[in-house]
PDB file of all heavy atoms in Angstrom:
ATOM      1  N   ASN A   1     -11.516 -10.589  -0.056  1.00  0.00           N
ATOM      2  CA  ASN A   1     -12.425  -9.457  -0.226  1.00  0.00           C
ATOM      3  C   ASN A   1     -11.672  -8.142  -0.343  1.00  0.00           C
ATOM      4  O   ASN A   1     -12.248  -7.067  -0.164  1.00  0.00           O
ATOM      5  CB  ASN A   1     -13.411  -9.384   0.957  1.00  0.00           C
ATOM      6  CG  ASN A   1     -12.697  -9.179   2.276  1.00  0.00           C
ATOM      7  OD1 ASN A   1     -11.475  -9.352   2.365  1.00  0.00           O
ATOM      8  ND2 ASN A   1     -13.438  -8.811   3.311  1.00  0.00           N
ATOM      9  N   LYS A   2     -10.376  -8.222  -0.640  1.00  0.00           N
ATOM     10  CA  LYS A   2      -9.544  -7.030  -0.756  1.00  0.00           C
ATOM     11  C   LYS A   2      -9.018  -6.886  -2.176  1.00  0.00           C
ATOM     12  O   LYS A   2      -8.805  -7.867  -2.883  1.00  0.00           O
ATOM     13  CB  LYS A   2      -8.369  -7.088   0.221  1.00  0.00           C
ATOM     14  CG  LYS A   2      -8.778  -7.136   1.688  1.00  0.00           C
ATOM     15  CD  LYS A   2      -7.560  -7.179   2.588  1.00  0.00           C
ATOM     16  CE  LYS A   2      -7.969  -7.224   4.058  1.00  0.00           C
ATOM     17  NZ  LYS A   2      -6.786  -7.248   4.951  1.00  0.00           N
ATOM     18  N   LEU A   3      -8.812  -5.633  -2.553  1.00  0.00           N
ATOM     19  CA  LEU A   3      -8.193  -5.312  -3.828  1.00  0.00           C
ATOM     20  C   LEU A   3      -6.804  -4.769  -3.529  1.00  0.00           C
ATOM     21  O   LEU A   3      -6.665  -3.778  -2.809  1.00  0.00           O
ATOM     22  CB  LEU A   3      -9.033  -4.280  -4.580  1.00  0.00           C
ATOM     23  CG  LEU A   3      -8.622  -3.975  -6.023  1.00  0.00           C
ATOM     24  CD1 LEU A   3      -8.825  -5.205  -6.897  1.00  0.00           C
ATOM     25  CD2 LEU A   3      -9.436  -2.805  -6.562  1.00  0.00           C
ATOM     26  N   LEU A   4      -5.762  -5.429  -4.049  1.00  0.00           N
ATOM     27  CA  LEU A   4      -4.385  -5.103  -3.688  1.00  0.00           C
ATOM     28  C   LEU A   4      -3.693  -4.308  -4.786  1.00  0.00           C
ATOM     29  O   LEU A   4      -3.773  -4.658  -5.969  1.00  0.00           O
ATOM     30  CB  LEU A   4      -3.592  -6.384  -3.418  1.00  0.00           C
ATOM     31  CG  LEU A   4      -4.175  -7.339  -2.369  1.00  0.00           C
ATOM     32  CD1 LEU A   4      -3.262  -8.543  -2.203  1.00  0.00           C
ATOM     33  CD2 LEU A   4      -4.383  -6.625  -1.029  1.00  0.00           C
ATOM     34  N   VAL A   5      -3.005  -3.251  -4.366  1.00  0.00           N
ATOM     35  CA  VAL A   5      -2.170  -2.454  -5.258  1.00  0.00           C
ATOM     36  C   VAL A   5      -0.775  -2.401  -4.644  1.00  0.00           C
ATOM     37  O   VAL A   5      -0.613  -2.026  -3.478  1.00  0.00           O
ATOM     38  CB  VAL A   5      -2.722  -1.031  -5.439  1.00  0.00           C
ATOM     39  CG1 VAL A   5      -1.753  -0.180  -6.260  1.00  0.00           C
ATOM     40  CG2 VAL A   5      -4.077  -1.079  -6.116  1.00  0.00           C
ATOM     41  N   GLU A   6       0.250  -2.765  -5.442  1.00  0.00           N
ATOM     42  CA  GLU A   6       1.615  -2.869  -4.916  1.00  0.00           C
ATOM     43  C   GLU A   6       2.517  -1.829  -5.577  1.00  0.00           C
ATOM     44  O   GLU A   6       2.447  -1.583  -6.779  1.00  0.00           O
ATOM     45  CB  GLU A   6       2.172  -4.264  -5.185  1.00  0.00           C
ATOM     46  CG  GLU A   6       3.522  -4.509  -4.524  1.00  0.00           C
ATOM     47  CD  GLU A   6       4.006  -5.938  -4.731  1.00  0.00           C
ATOM     48  OE1 GLU A   6       3.356  -6.667  -5.499  1.00  0.00           O
ATOM     49  OE2 GLU A   6       5.031  -6.304  -4.116  1.00  0.00           O
ATOM     50  N   TYR A   7       3.344  -1.196  -4.735  1.00  0.00           N
ATOM     51  CA  TYR A   7       4.374  -0.288  -5.210  1.00  0.00           C
ATOM     52  C   TYR A   7       5.718  -1.005  -5.080  1.00  0.00           C
ATOM     53  O   TYR A   7       6.036  -1.557  -4.019  1.00  0.00           O
ATOM     54  CB  TYR A   7       4.402   0.998  -4.369  1.00  0.00           C
ATOM     55  CG  TYR A   7       3.161   1.840  -4.467  1.00  0.00           C
ATOM     56  CD1 TYR A   7       2.028   1.527  -3.731  1.00  0.00           C
ATOM     57  CD2 TYR A   7       3.137   2.962  -5.290  1.00  0.00           C
ATOM     58  CE1 TYR A   7       0.884   2.304  -3.806  1.00  0.00           C
ATOM     59  CE2 TYR A   7       2.003   3.754  -5.374  1.00  0.00           C
ATOM     60  CZ  TYR A   7       0.865   3.415  -4.635  1.00  0.00           C
ATOM     61  OH  TYR A   7      -0.251   4.184  -4.717  1.00  0.00           O
ATOM     62  N   THR A   8       6.520  -0.962  -6.145  1.00  0.00           N
ATOM     63  CA  THR A   8       7.797  -1.675  -6.132  1.00  0.00           C
ATOM     64  C   THR A   8       8.924  -0.775  -6.658  1.00  0.00           C
ATOM     65  O   THR A   8       8.679   0.322  -7.160  1.00  0.00           O
ATOM     66  CB  THR A   8       7.726  -2.939  -7.016  1.00  0.00           C
ATOM     67  OG1 THR A   8       7.362  -2.555  -8.354  1.00  0.00           O
ATOM     68  CG2 THR A   8       6.692  -3.912  -6.474  1.00  0.00           C
ATOM     69  N   ASN A   9      10.177  -1.304  -6.502  1.00  0.00           N
ATOM     70  CA  ASN A   9      11.369  -0.624  -7.011  1.00  0.00           C
ATOM     71  C   ASN A   9      11.612   0.719  -6.323  1.00  0.00           C
ATOM     72  O   ASN A   9      11.909   1.726  -6.964  1.00  0.00           O
ATOM     73  CB  ASN A   9      11.304  -0.424  -8.533  1.00  0.00           C
ATOM     74  CG  ASN A   9      11.262  -1.745  -9.275  1.00  0.00           C
ATOM     75  OD1 ASN A   9      11.924  -2.715  -8.883  1.00  0.00           O
ATOM     76  ND2 ASN A   9      10.464  -1.798 -10.332  1.00  0.00           N
ATOM     77  N   GLY A  10      11.485   0.702  -5.008  1.00  0.00           N
ATOM     78  CA  GLY A  10      11.807   1.903  -4.251  1.00  0.00           C
ATOM     79  C   GLY A  10      13.281   1.939  -3.907  1.00  0.00           C
ATOM     80  O   GLY A  10      14.120   1.280  -4.557  1.00  0.00           O
ATOM     81  N   ASP A  11      13.659   2.700  -2.899  1.00  0.00           N
ATOM     82  CA  ASP A  11      15.050   2.786  -2.462  1.00  0.00           C
ATOM     83  C   ASP A  11      15.512   1.434  -1.930  1.00  0.00           C
ATOM     84  O   ASP A  11      14.708   0.550  -1.591  1.00  0.00           O
ATOM     85  CB  ASP A  11      15.197   3.829  -1.363  1.00  0.00           C
ATOM     86  CG  ASP A  11      14.815   5.221  -1.842  1.00  0.00           C
ATOM     87  OD1 ASP A  11      14.917   5.482  -3.054  1.00  0.00           O
ATOM     88  OD2 ASP A  11      14.399   6.027  -0.977  1.00  0.00           O
ATOM     89  N   ALA A  12      16.827   1.301  -1.827  1.00  0.00           N
ATOM     90  CA  ALA A  12      17.385   0.085  -1.239  1.00  0.00           C
ATOM     91  C   ALA A  12      17.009   0.017   0.237  1.00  0.00           C
ATOM     92  O   ALA A  12      17.000   1.022   0.953  1.00  0.00           O
ATOM     93  CB  ALA A  12      18.901   0.080  -1.397  1.00  0.00           C
ATOM     94  N   CYS A  13      16.686  -1.183   0.685  1.00  0.00           N
ATOM     95  CA  CYS A  13      16.294  -1.370   2.080  1.00  0.00           C
ATOM     96  C   CYS A  13      17.509  -1.232   2.993  1.00  0.00           C
ATOM     97  O   CYS A  13      18.605  -1.693   2.658  1.00  0.00           O
ATOM     98  CB  CYS A  13      15.670  -2.756   2.269  1.00  0.00           C
ATOM     99  SG  CYS A  13      14.136  -3.005   1.357  1.00  0.00           S
ATOM    100  N   PRO A  14      17.374  -0.635   4.150  1.00  0.00           N
ATOM    101  CA  PRO A  14      18.493  -0.514   5.091  1.00  0.00           C
ATOM    102  C   PRO A  14      18.995  -1.901   5.515  1.00  0.00           C
ATOM    103  O   PRO A  14      18.217  -2.758   5.922  1.00  0.00           O
ATOM    104  CB  PRO A  14      17.872   0.232   6.282  1.00  0.00           C
ATOM    105  CG  PRO A  14      16.681   0.932   5.718  1.00  0.00           C
ATOM    106  CD  PRO A  14      16.154   0.037   4.646  1.00  0.00           C
ATOM    107  N   GLY A  15      20.302  -2.117   5.371  1.00  0.00           N
ATOM    108  CA  GLY A  15      20.892  -3.380   5.776  1.00  0.00           C
ATOM    109  C   GLY A  15      20.661  -4.506   4.795  1.00  0.00           C
ATOM    110  O   GLY A  15      21.069  -5.647   5.054  1.00  0.00           O
ATOM    111  N   ALA A  16      20.011  -4.248   3.668  1.00  0.00           N
ATOM    112  CA  ALA A  16      19.783  -5.293   2.650  1.00  0.00           C
ATOM    113  C   ALA A  16      19.755  -4.608   1.294  1.00  0.00           C
ATOM    114  O   ALA A  16      18.690  -4.336   0.721  1.00  0.00           O
ATOM    115  CB  ALA A  16      18.479  -6.040   2.918  1.00  0.00           C
ATOM    116  N   ALA A  17      20.948  -4.292   0.799  1.00  0.00           N
ATOM    117  CA  ALA A  17      21.059  -3.528  -0.448  1.00  0.00           C
ATOM    118  C   ALA A  17      20.479  -4.262  -1.642  1.00  0.00           C
ATOM    119  O   ALA A  17      20.137  -3.645  -2.656  1.00  0.00           O
ATOM    120  CB  ALA A  17      22.528  -3.187  -0.716  1.00  0.00           C
ATOM    121  N   GLN A  18      20.359  -5.612  -1.524  1.00  0.00           N
ATOM    122  CA  GLN A  18      19.820  -6.365  -2.652  1.00  0.00           C
ATOM    123  C   GLN A  18      18.302  -6.265  -2.746  1.00  0.00           C
ATOM    124  O   GLN A  18      17.713  -6.703  -3.737  1.00  0.00           O
ATOM    125  CB  GLN A  18      20.217  -7.848  -2.541  1.00  0.00           C
ATOM    126  CG  GLN A  18      19.539  -8.637  -1.438  1.00  0.00           C
ATOM    127  CD  GLN A  18      20.187  -8.448  -0.077  1.00  0.00           C
ATOM    128  OE1 GLN A  18      20.988  -7.518   0.113  1.00  0.00           O
ATOM    129  NE2 GLN A  18      19.846  -9.309   0.866  1.00  0.00           N
ATOM    130  N   LEU A  19      17.677  -5.681  -1.711  1.00  0.00           N
ATOM    131  CA  LEU A  19      16.223  -5.523  -1.691  1.00  0.00           C
ATOM    132  C   LEU A  19      15.848  -4.058  -1.824  1.00  0.00           C
ATOM    133  O   LEU A  19      16.583  -3.172  -1.380  1.00  0.00           O
ATOM    134  CB  LEU A  19      15.634  -6.081  -0.386  1.00  0.00           C
ATOM    135  CG  LEU A  19      15.883  -7.569  -0.109  1.00  0.00           C
ATOM    136  CD1 LEU A  19      15.300  -7.945   1.254  1.00  0.00           C
ATOM    137  CD2 LEU A  19      15.269  -8.433  -1.204  1.00  0.00           C
ATOM    138  N   ASN A  20      14.706  -3.843  -2.433  1.00  0.00           N
ATOM    139  CA  ASN A  20      14.207  -2.479  -2.593  1.00  0.00           C
ATOM    140  C   ASN A  20      12.935  -2.269  -1.768  1.00  0.00           C
ATOM    141  O   ASN A  20      12.142  -3.191  -1.580  1.00  0.00           O
ATOM    142  CB  ASN A  20      13.893  -2.179  -4.066  1.00  0.00           C
ATOM    143  CG  ASN A  20      15.130  -2.200  -4.934  1.00  0.00           C
ATOM    144  OD1 ASN A  20      15.471  -3.236  -5.515  1.00  0.00           O
ATOM    145  ND2 ASN A  20      15.805  -1.068  -5.030  1.00  0.00           N
ATOM    146  N   ARG A  21      12.808  -1.060  -1.268  1.00  0.00           N
ATOM    147  CA  ARG A  21      11.601  -0.741  -0.520  1.00  0.00           C
ATOM    148  C   ARG A  21      10.364  -0.931  -1.419  1.00  0.00           C
ATOM    149  O   ARG A  21      10.379  -0.663  -2.625  1.00  0.00           O
ATOM    150  CB  ARG A  21      11.644   0.696   0.001  1.00  0.00           C
ATOM    151  CG  ARG A  21      12.509   0.869   1.248  1.00  0.00           C
ATOM    152  CD  ARG A  21      12.249   2.248   1.849  1.00  0.00           C
ATOM    153  NE  ARG A  21      12.804   2.369   3.185  1.00  0.00           N
ATOM    154  CZ  ARG A  21      13.914   3.051   3.476  1.00  0.00           C
ATOM    155  NH1 ARG A  21      14.595   3.644   2.513  1.00  0.00           N
ATOM    156  NH2 ARG A  21      14.351   3.120   4.725  1.00  0.00           N
ATOM    157  N   SER A  22       9.274  -1.318  -0.761  1.00  0.00           N
ATOM    158  CA  SER A  22       8.009  -1.506  -1.479  1.00  0.00           C
ATOM    159  C   SER A  22       6.854  -1.197  -0.530  1.00  0.00           C
ATOM    160  O   SER A  22       7.041  -1.068   0.686  1.00  0.00           O
ATOM    161  CB  SER A  22       7.897  -2.937  -2.022  1.00  0.00           C
ATOM    162  OG  SER A  22       7.902  -3.870  -0.946  1.00  0.00           O
ATOM    163  N   ALA A  23       5.685  -1.090  -1.083  1.00  0.00           N
ATOM    164  CA  ALA A  23       4.491  -0.812  -0.287  1.00  0.00           C
ATOM    165  C   ALA A  23       3.308  -1.566  -0.867  1.00  0.00           C
ATOM    166  O   ALA A  23       3.269  -1.869  -2.057  1.00  0.00           O
ATOM    167  CB  ALA A  23       4.201   0.685  -0.254  1.00  0.00           C
ATOM    168  N   LEU A  24       2.350  -1.864  -0.003  1.00  0.00           N
ATOM    169  CA  LEU A  24       1.164  -2.610  -0.419  1.00  0.00           C
ATOM    170  C   LEU A  24      -0.062  -1.923   0.166  1.00  0.00           C
ATOM    171  O   LEU A  24      -0.147  -1.705   1.377  1.00  0.00           O
ATOM    172  CB  LEU A  24       1.232  -4.057   0.069  1.00  0.00           C
ATOM    173  CG  LEU A  24       0.065  -4.956  -0.337  1.00  0.00           C
ATOM    174  CD1 LEU A  24       0.077  -5.191  -1.844  1.00  0.00           C
ATOM    175  CD2 LEU A  24       0.120  -6.285   0.417  1.00  0.00           C
ATOM    176  N   ILE A  25      -0.998  -1.567  -0.715  1.00  0.00           N
ATOM    177  CA  ILE A  25      -2.264  -0.974  -0.279  1.00  0.00           C
ATOM    178  C   ILE A  25      -3.371  -1.993  -0.457  1.00  0.00           C
ATOM    179  O   ILE A  25      -3.550  -2.551  -1.550  1.00  0.00           O
ATOM    180  CB  ILE A  25      -2.604   0.302  -1.070  1.00  0.00           C
ATOM    181  CG1 ILE A  25      -1.518   1.360  -0.881  1.00  0.00           C
ATOM    182  CG2 ILE A  25      -3.957   0.864  -0.621  1.00  0.00           C
ATOM    183  CD1 ILE A  25      -1.800   2.644  -1.640  1.00  0.00           C
ATOM    184  N   SER A  26      -4.100  -2.251   0.615  1.00  0.00           N
ATOM    185  CA  SER A  26      -5.259  -3.157   0.556  1.00  0.00           C
ATOM    186  C   SER A  26      -6.524  -2.296   0.527  1.00  0.00           C
ATOM    187  O   SER A  26      -6.874  -1.658   1.529  1.00  0.00           O
ATOM    188  CB  SER A  26      -5.274  -4.087   1.770  1.00  0.00           C
ATOM    189  OG  SER A  26      -4.120  -4.901   1.804  1.00  0.00           O
ATOM    190  N   PHE A  27      -7.187  -2.270  -0.613  1.00  0.00           N
ATOM    191  CA  PHE A  27      -8.452  -1.558  -0.729  1.00  0.00           C
ATOM    192  C   PHE A  27      -9.573  -2.463  -0.221  1.00  0.00           C
ATOM    193  O   PHE A  27      -9.728  -3.598  -0.689  1.00  0.00           O
ATOM    194  CB  PHE A  27      -8.709  -1.160  -2.185  1.00  0.00           C
ATOM    195  CG  PHE A  27      -7.794  -0.079  -2.681  1.00  0.00           C
ATOM    196  CD1 PHE A  27      -6.596  -0.396  -3.305  1.00  0.00           C
ATOM    197  CD2 PHE A  27      -8.131   1.255  -2.514  1.00  0.00           C
ATOM    198  CE1 PHE A  27      -5.754   0.593  -3.764  1.00  0.00           C
ATOM    199  CE2 PHE A  27      -7.284   2.260  -2.973  1.00  0.00           C
ATOM    200  CZ  PHE A  27      -6.088   1.927  -3.595  1.00  0.00           C
ATOM    201  N   ILE A  28     -10.328  -1.946   0.744  1.00  0.00           N
ATOM    202  CA  ILE A  28     -11.396  -2.732   1.377  1.00  0.00           C
ATOM    203  C   ILE A  28     -12.738  -2.073   1.078  1.00  0.00           C
ATOM    204  O   ILE A  28     -12.887  -0.847   1.212  1.00  0.00           O
ATOM    205  CB  ILE A  28     -11.184  -2.818   2.903  1.00  0.00           C
ATOM    206  CG1 ILE A  28      -9.821  -3.469   3.195  1.00  0.00           C
ATOM    207  CG2 ILE A  28     -12.305  -3.601   3.573  1.00  0.00           C
ATOM    208  CD1 ILE A  28      -9.456  -3.469   4.660  1.00  0.00           C
ATOM    209  N   CYS A  29     -13.693  -2.873   0.688  1.00  0.00           N
ATOM    210  CA  CYS A  29     -15.029  -2.364   0.369  1.00  0.00           C
ATOM    211  C   CYS A  29     -15.681  -1.791   1.628  1.00  0.00           C
ATOM    212  O   CYS A  29     -15.795  -2.465   2.655  1.00  0.00           O
ATOM    213  CB  CYS A  29     -15.897  -3.481  -0.214  1.00  0.00           C
ATOM    214  SG  CYS A  29     -17.634  -3.024  -0.426  1.00  0.00           S
ATOM    215  N   SER A  30     -16.094  -0.530   1.555  1.00  0.00           N
ATOM    216  CA  SER A  30     -16.777   0.113   2.678  1.00  0.00           C
ATOM    217  C   SER A  30     -17.662   1.226   2.137  1.00  0.00           C
ATOM    218  O   SER A  30     -17.160   2.186   1.541  1.00  0.00           O
ATOM    219  CB  SER A  30     -15.772   0.674   3.687  1.00  0.00           C
ATOM    220  OG  SER A  30     -16.446   1.391   4.704  1.00  0.00           O
ATOM    221  N   ALA A  31     -18.957   1.080   2.336  1.00  0.00           N
ATOM    222  CA  ALA A  31     -19.895   2.109   1.873  1.00  0.00           C
ATOM    223  C   ALA A  31     -20.011   3.247   2.881  1.00  0.00           C
ATOM    224  O   ALA A  31     -20.701   4.230   2.644  1.00  0.00           O
ATOM    225  CB  ALA A  31     -21.261   1.505   1.623  1.00  0.00           C
ATOM    226  N   HIS A  32     -19.347   3.117   4.026  1.00  0.00           N
ATOM    227  CA  HIS A  32     -19.450   4.116   5.086  1.00  0.00           C
ATOM    228  C   HIS A  32     -18.071   4.657   5.432  1.00  0.00           C
ATOM    229  O   HIS A  32     -17.678   4.702   6.595  1.00  0.00           O
ATOM    230  CB  HIS A  32     -20.116   3.524   6.329  1.00  0.00           C
ATOM    231  CG  HIS A  32     -21.421   2.851   6.051  1.00  0.00           C
ATOM    232  ND1 HIS A  32     -22.559   3.538   5.752  1.00  0.00           N
ATOM    233  CD2 HIS A  32     -21.741   1.532   5.997  1.00  0.00           C
ATOM    234  CE1 HIS A  32     -23.546   2.697   5.541  1.00  0.00           C
ATOM    235  NE2 HIS A  32     -23.078   1.479   5.677  1.00  0.00           N
ATOM    236  N   ALA A  33     -17.339   5.079   4.436  1.00  0.00           N
ATOM    237  CA  ALA A  33     -16.002   5.622   4.649  1.00  0.00           C
ATOM    238  C   ALA A  33     -16.102   6.997   5.305  1.00  0.00           C
ATOM    239  O   ALA A  33     -17.140   7.661   5.286  1.00  0.00           O
ATOM    240  CB  ALA A  33     -15.259   5.718   3.315  1.00  0.00           C
ATOM    241  N   ASP A  34     -14.961   7.443   5.914  1.00  0.00           N
ATOM    242  CA  ASP A  34     -14.942   8.719   6.618  1.00  0.00           C
ATOM    243  C   ASP A  34     -15.196   9.888   5.686  1.00  0.00           C
ATOM    244  O   ASP A  34     -15.751  10.902   6.087  1.00  0.00           O
ATOM    245  CB  ASP A  34     -13.607   8.899   7.337  1.00  0.00           C
ATOM    246  CG  ASP A  34     -13.426   7.885   8.451  1.00  0.00           C
ATOM    247  OD1 ASP A  34     -14.444   7.371   8.939  1.00  0.00           O
ATOM    248  OD2 ASP A  34     -12.267   7.620   8.824  1.00  0.00           O
ATOM    249  N   SER A  35     -14.764   9.778   4.433  1.00  0.00           N
ATOM    250  CA  SER A  35     -15.021  10.812   3.440  1.00  0.00           C
ATOM    251  C   SER A  35     -15.618  10.151   2.208  1.00  0.00           C
ATOM    252  O   SER A  35     -15.923   8.956   2.230  1.00  0.00           O
ATOM    253  CB  SER A  35     -13.724  11.555   3.091  1.00  0.00           C
ATOM    254  OG  SER A  35     -12.752  10.641   2.604  1.00  0.00           O
ATOM    255  N   GLU A  36     -15.780  10.911   1.150  1.00  0.00           N
ATOM    256  CA  GLU A  36     -16.466  10.381  -0.032  1.00  0.00           C
ATOM    257  C   GLU A  36     -15.812   9.111  -0.558  1.00  0.00           C
ATOM    258  O   GLU A  36     -16.500   8.131  -0.856  1.00  0.00           O
ATOM    259  CB  GLU A  36     -16.492  11.443  -1.129  1.00  0.00           C
ATOM    260  CG  GLU A  36     -17.258  11.000  -2.375  1.00  0.00           C
ATOM    261  CD  GLU A  36     -17.313  12.091  -3.435  1.00  0.00           C
ATOM    262  OE1 GLU A  36     -16.640  13.126  -3.244  1.00  0.00           O
ATOM    263  OE2 GLU A  36     -18.017  11.893  -4.436  1.00  0.00           O
ATOM    264  N   TYR A  37     -14.487   9.133  -0.671  1.00  0.00           N
ATOM    265  CA  TYR A  37     -13.760   7.968  -1.176  1.00  0.00           C
ATOM    266  C   TYR A  37     -12.819   7.376  -0.146  1.00  0.00           C
ATOM    267  O   TYR A  37     -12.020   6.508  -0.462  1.00  0.00           O
ATOM    268  CB  TYR A  37     -12.972   8.337  -2.435  1.00  0.00           C
ATOM    269  CG  TYR A  37     -13.848   8.779  -3.580  1.00  0.00           C
ATOM    270  CD1 TYR A  37     -13.650  10.014  -4.179  1.00  0.00           C
ATOM    271  CD2 TYR A  37     -14.890   7.983  -4.038  1.00  0.00           C
ATOM    272  CE1 TYR A  37     -14.461  10.440  -5.225  1.00  0.00           C
ATOM    273  CE2 TYR A  37     -15.708   8.394  -5.084  1.00  0.00           C
ATOM    274  CZ  TYR A  37     -15.487   9.623  -5.660  1.00  0.00           C
ATOM    275  OH  TYR A  37     -16.304  10.034  -6.693  1.00  0.00           O
ATOM    276  N   GLY A  38     -12.910   7.821   1.104  1.00  0.00           N
ATOM    277  CA  GLY A  38     -12.052   7.287   2.147  1.00  0.00           C
ATOM    278  C   GLY A  38     -10.640   7.850   2.084  1.00  0.00           C
ATOM    279  O   GLY A  38     -10.296   8.673   1.231  1.00  0.00           O
ATOM    280  N   GLN A  39      -9.785   7.377   2.994  1.00  0.00           N
ATOM    281  CA  GLN A  39      -8.403   7.825   3.078  1.00  0.00           C
ATOM    282  C   GLN A  39      -7.511   6.623   3.380  1.00  0.00           C
ATOM    283  O   GLN A  39      -7.914   5.711   4.099  1.00  0.00           O
ATOM    284  CB  GLN A  39      -8.229   8.860   4.190  1.00  0.00           C
ATOM    285  CG  GLN A  39      -8.903  10.193   3.925  1.00  0.00           C
ATOM    286  CD  GLN A  39      -8.152  11.016   2.890  1.00  0.00           C
ATOM    287  OE1 GLN A  39      -6.951  10.829   2.682  1.00  0.00           O
ATOM    288  NE2 GLN A  39      -8.849  11.941   2.249  1.00  0.00           N
ATOM    289  N   PRO A  40      -6.290   6.612   2.842  1.00  0.00           N
ATOM    290  CA  PRO A  40      -5.361   5.527   3.177  1.00  0.00           C
ATOM    291  C   PRO A  40      -4.890   5.641   4.616  1.00  0.00           C
ATOM    292  O   PRO A  40      -4.733   6.743   5.141  1.00  0.00           O
ATOM    293  CB  PRO A  40      -4.204   5.730   2.188  1.00  0.00           C
ATOM    294  CG  PRO A  40      -4.256   7.178   1.837  1.00  0.00           C
ATOM    295  CD  PRO A  40      -5.697   7.566   1.880  1.00  0.00           C
ATOM    296  N   GLU A  41      -4.654   4.516   5.256  1.00  0.00           N
ATOM    297  CA  GLU A  41      -4.185   4.464   6.637  1.00  0.00           C
ATOM    298  C   GLU A  41      -2.997   3.514   6.737  1.00  0.00           C
ATOM    299  O   GLU A  41      -3.007   2.432   6.157  1.00  0.00           O
ATOM    300  CB  GLU A  41      -5.300   3.998   7.572  1.00  0.00           C
ATOM    301  CG  GLU A  41      -6.500   4.926   7.629  1.00  0.00           C
ATOM    302  CD  GLU A  41      -7.578   4.412   8.550  1.00  0.00           C
ATOM    303  OE1 GLU A  41      -7.419   3.279   9.058  1.00  0.00           O
ATOM    304  OE2 GLU A  41      -8.585   5.114   8.768  1.00  0.00           O
TER     305      GLU A  41
END
């Protein structure tokens, strides 16, 4: 029930130069968000 958006090819990870930093955002359906479109946490 989640919509995933992935960020890739960031800086090299500390202690693992062969890996790059990345991030993953899980968008969750909520009609009662804190603001109009919600905020990332």
